[in-house]
Amino acid sequence: MDSRWVGPDGYEVVPAYRRDRQVLRVRRNGQVVADCLSVEEVARYVDLADLCEVIPLPVRAGDARTAAK
């Protein structure tokens, strides 16, 4: 359950649990706006077409690169 979607104006949508029920938690600038039971409910707060899924890239040991040394 590491999925996360971000949108404009500081919106973020993450899966969460509320009272043993899975919800889509909508946050704006880190503050919880709503716990939605459906995607249709999420669309009330943020345009779904504007959301981008955040995909964490794997990290390899010893692969730390910097722009300047």
N, C-alpha and C. Protein backbone atom coordinates (compact mmCIF):
# COMPACT_ATOMS: atom_id res chain seq x y z
N MET A 1 0.82 -1.18 0.00
CA MET A 1 0.00 0.00 0.00
C MET A 1 0.87 1.25 0.00
N ASP A 2 1.87 1.27 -0.85
CA ASP A 2 2.77 2.40 -0.92
C ASP A 2 2.37 3.37 -2.02
N SER A 3 1.17 3.26 -2.53
CA SER A 3 0.73 4.15 -3.60
C SER A 3 0.50 5.55 -3.06
N ARG A 4 0.77 6.51 -3.95
CA ARG A 4 0.58 7.91 -3.57
C ARG A 4 0.41 8.72 -4.85
N TRP A 5 -0.54 9.61 -4.85
CA TRP A 5 -0.78 10.47 -6.00
C TRP A 5 -0.72 11.92 -5.55
N VAL A 6 -0.10 12.76 -6.35
CA VAL A 6 -0.01 14.17 -6.02
C VAL A 6 -0.63 14.99 -7.15
N GLY A 7 -1.11 16.15 -6.78
CA GLY A 7 -1.73 17.05 -7.75
C GLY A 7 -1.34 18.48 -7.47
N PRO A 8 -1.92 19.39 -8.22
CA PRO A 8 -1.60 20.81 -8.03
C PRO A 8 -2.14 21.34 -6.71
N ASP A 9 -1.65 22.49 -6.33
CA ASP A 9 -2.12 23.20 -5.13
C ASP A 9 -1.90 22.42 -3.84
N GLY A 10 -0.89 21.53 -3.81
CA GLY A 10 -0.55 20.83 -2.58
C GLY A 10 -1.42 19.63 -2.26
N TYR A 11 -2.23 19.16 -3.21
CA TYR A 11 -3.09 17.99 -2.96
C TYR A 11 -2.29 16.71 -3.05
N GLU A 12 -2.68 15.75 -2.22
CA GLU A 12 -2.06 14.43 -2.19
C GLU A 12 -3.15 13.42 -1.83
N VAL A 13 -3.15 12.28 -2.49
CA VAL A 13 -4.12 11.22 -2.21
C VAL A 13 -3.35 9.96 -1.87
N VAL A 14 -3.65 9.38 -0.71
CA VAL A 14 -2.97 8.17 -0.26
C VAL A 14 -4.01 7.19 0.27
N PRO A 15 -3.78 5.89 0.09
CA PRO A 15 -4.67 4.91 0.71
C PRO A 15 -4.44 4.90 2.22
N ALA A 16 -5.51 4.71 2.96
CA ALA A 16 -5.41 4.69 4.42
C ALA A 16 -6.53 3.80 4.97
N TYR A 17 -6.50 3.58 6.27
CA TYR A 17 -7.57 2.82 6.94
C TYR A 17 -8.22 3.71 7.98
N ARG A 18 -9.53 3.66 8.00
CA ARG A 18 -10.31 4.37 9.01
C ARG A 18 -11.37 3.42 9.53
N ARG A 19 -11.27 3.13 10.81
CA ARG A 19 -12.19 2.17 11.45
C ARG A 19 -12.24 0.85 10.68
N ASP A 20 -11.07 0.29 10.40
CA ASP A 20 -10.93 -0.99 9.71
C ASP A 20 -11.50 -1.00 8.30
N ARG A 21 -11.65 0.16 7.69
CA ARG A 21 -12.15 0.25 6.32
C ARG A 21 -11.16 1.05 5.48
N GLN A 22 -10.85 0.54 4.29
CA GLN A 22 -9.89 1.24 3.45
C GLN A 22 -10.56 2.47 2.83
N VAL A 23 -9.84 3.58 2.86
CA VAL A 23 -10.32 4.84 2.30
C VAL A 23 -9.21 5.46 1.47
N LEU A 24 -9.57 6.45 0.68
CA LEU A 24 -8.59 7.28 -0.03
C LEU A 24 -8.54 8.60 0.72
N ARG A 25 -7.41 8.86 1.36
CA ARG A 25 -7.26 10.06 2.17
C ARG A 25 -6.76 11.21 1.30
N VAL A 26 -7.51 12.29 1.30
CA VAL A 26 -7.13 13.48 0.54
C VAL A 26 -6.52 14.46 1.53
N ARG A 27 -5.30 14.90 1.21
CA ARG A 27 -4.61 15.90 2.03
C ARG A 27 -4.29 17.11 1.16
N ARG A 28 -4.23 18.24 1.80
CA ARG A 28 -3.77 19.45 1.12
C ARG A 28 -2.76 20.13 2.02
N ASN A 29 -1.56 20.28 1.52
CA ASN A 29 -0.46 20.86 2.28
C ASN A 29 -0.27 20.14 3.62
N GLY A 30 -0.42 18.81 3.61
CA GLY A 30 -0.19 18.00 4.79
C GLY A 30 -1.39 17.87 5.73
N GLN A 31 -2.42 18.65 5.53
CA GLN A 31 -3.62 18.59 6.38
C GLN A 31 -4.67 17.68 5.76
N VAL A 32 -5.28 16.82 6.56
CA VAL A 32 -6.32 15.93 6.05
C VAL A 32 -7.55 16.74 5.68
N VAL A 33 -8.00 16.57 4.43
CA VAL A 33 -9.19 17.25 3.94
C VAL A 33 -10.39 16.32 4.05
N ALA A 34 -10.20 15.05 3.64
CA ALA A 34 -11.32 14.10 3.66
C ALA A 34 -10.81 12.68 3.55
N ASP A 35 -11.59 11.74 4.07
CA ASP A 35 -11.39 10.32 3.85
C ASP A 35 -12.52 9.87 2.95
N CYS A 36 -12.18 9.48 1.72
CA CYS A 36 -13.18 9.18 0.71
C CYS A 36 -13.32 7.67 0.53
N LEU A 37 -14.55 7.22 0.35
CA LEU A 37 -14.83 5.80 0.15
C LEU A 37 -14.80 5.41 -1.32
N SER A 38 -14.76 6.38 -2.22
CA SER A 38 -14.75 6.08 -3.65
C SER A 38 -13.93 7.13 -4.40
N VAL A 39 -13.57 6.78 -5.62
CA VAL A 39 -12.83 7.71 -6.48
C VAL A 39 -13.72 8.91 -6.82
N GLU A 40 -15.01 8.68 -6.94
CA GLU A 40 -15.94 9.77 -7.23
C GLU A 40 -15.91 10.82 -6.13
N GLU A 41 -15.77 10.38 -4.90
CA GLU A 41 -15.66 11.33 -3.78
C GLU A 41 -14.36 12.12 -3.86
N VAL A 42 -13.27 11.48 -4.26
CA VAL A 42 -11.98 12.16 -4.40
C VAL A 42 -12.12 13.27 -5.44
N ALA A 43 -12.86 13.00 -6.51
CA ALA A 43 -13.03 13.97 -7.60
C ALA A 43 -13.73 15.25 -7.14
N ARG A 44 -14.40 15.22 -6.01
CA ARG A 44 -15.01 16.44 -5.46
C ARG A 44 -13.96 17.43 -4.97
N TYR A 45 -12.77 16.92 -4.65
CA TYR A 45 -11.72 17.77 -4.07
C TYR A 45 -10.62 18.12 -5.07
N VAL A 46 -10.32 17.20 -5.97
CA VAL A 46 -9.22 17.42 -6.92
C VAL A 46 -9.58 16.79 -8.25
N ASP A 47 -9.18 17.44 -9.34
CA ASP A 47 -9.42 16.91 -10.67
C ASP A 47 -8.55 15.67 -10.86
N LEU A 48 -9.17 14.54 -11.10
CA LEU A 48 -8.44 13.28 -11.21
C LEU A 48 -7.43 13.29 -12.35
N ALA A 49 -7.70 14.04 -13.40
CA ALA A 49 -6.78 14.12 -14.54
C ALA A 49 -5.48 14.83 -14.17
N ASP A 50 -5.49 15.60 -13.10
CA ASP A 50 -4.30 16.33 -12.66
C ASP A 50 -3.41 15.52 -11.73
N LEU A 51 -3.88 14.37 -11.25
CA LEU A 51 -3.11 13.57 -10.31
C LEU A 51 -2.03 12.77 -11.03
N CYS A 52 -0.86 12.71 -10.42
CA CYS A 52 0.26 11.92 -10.93
C CYS A 52 0.69 10.95 -9.84
N GLU A 53 0.86 9.68 -10.21
CA GLU A 53 1.31 8.69 -9.23
C GLU A 53 2.80 8.88 -8.97
N VAL A 54 3.16 8.83 -7.70
CA VAL A 54 4.56 8.92 -7.30
C VAL A 54 5.09 7.49 -7.23
N ILE A 55 6.11 7.22 -8.02
CA ILE A 55 6.69 5.88 -8.06
C ILE A 55 8.10 5.96 -7.50
N PRO A 56 8.33 5.37 -6.32
CA PRO A 56 9.68 5.41 -5.74
C PRO A 56 10.63 4.54 -6.55
N LEU A 57 11.79 5.07 -6.83
CA LEU A 57 12.79 4.32 -7.57
C LEU A 57 13.64 3.52 -6.61
N PRO A 58 14.07 2.33 -7.04
CA PRO A 58 14.92 1.53 -6.15
C PRO A 58 16.26 2.21 -5.92
N VAL A 59 16.78 2.04 -4.73
CA VAL A 59 18.06 2.64 -4.36
C VAL A 59 19.09 1.53 -4.30
N ARG A 60 20.21 1.76 -4.97
CA ARG A 60 21.30 0.78 -4.93
C ARG A 60 22.37 1.26 -3.97
N ALA A 61 22.93 0.35 -3.23
CA ALA A 61 24.00 0.69 -2.28
C ALA A 61 25.22 1.17 -3.06
N GLY A 62 25.83 2.22 -2.59
CA GLY A 62 27.03 2.75 -3.22
C GLY A 62 26.76 3.53 -4.50
N ASP A 63 25.52 3.93 -4.70
CA ASP A 63 25.17 4.64 -5.92
C ASP A 63 24.81 6.10 -5.61
N ALA A 64 25.47 6.66 -4.61
CA ALA A 64 25.19 8.04 -4.27
C ALA A 64 25.97 8.96 -5.20
N ARG A 65 25.26 9.75 -5.96
CA ARG A 65 25.91 10.66 -6.91
C ARG A 65 25.56 12.09 -6.54
N THR A 66 26.51 12.96 -6.72
CA THR A 66 26.26 14.37 -6.46
C THR A 66 26.60 15.17 -7.69
N ALA A 67 26.06 16.38 -7.78
CA ALA A 67 26.31 17.24 -8.92
C ALA A 67 27.74 17.77 -8.90
N ALA A 68 28.24 18.05 -7.72
CA ALA A 68 29.59 18.58 -7.60
C ALA A 68 30.29 17.92 -6.42
N LYS A 69 31.59 17.75 -6.57
CA LYS A 69 32.37 17.15 -5.47
C LYS A 69 33.38 18.11 -4.96
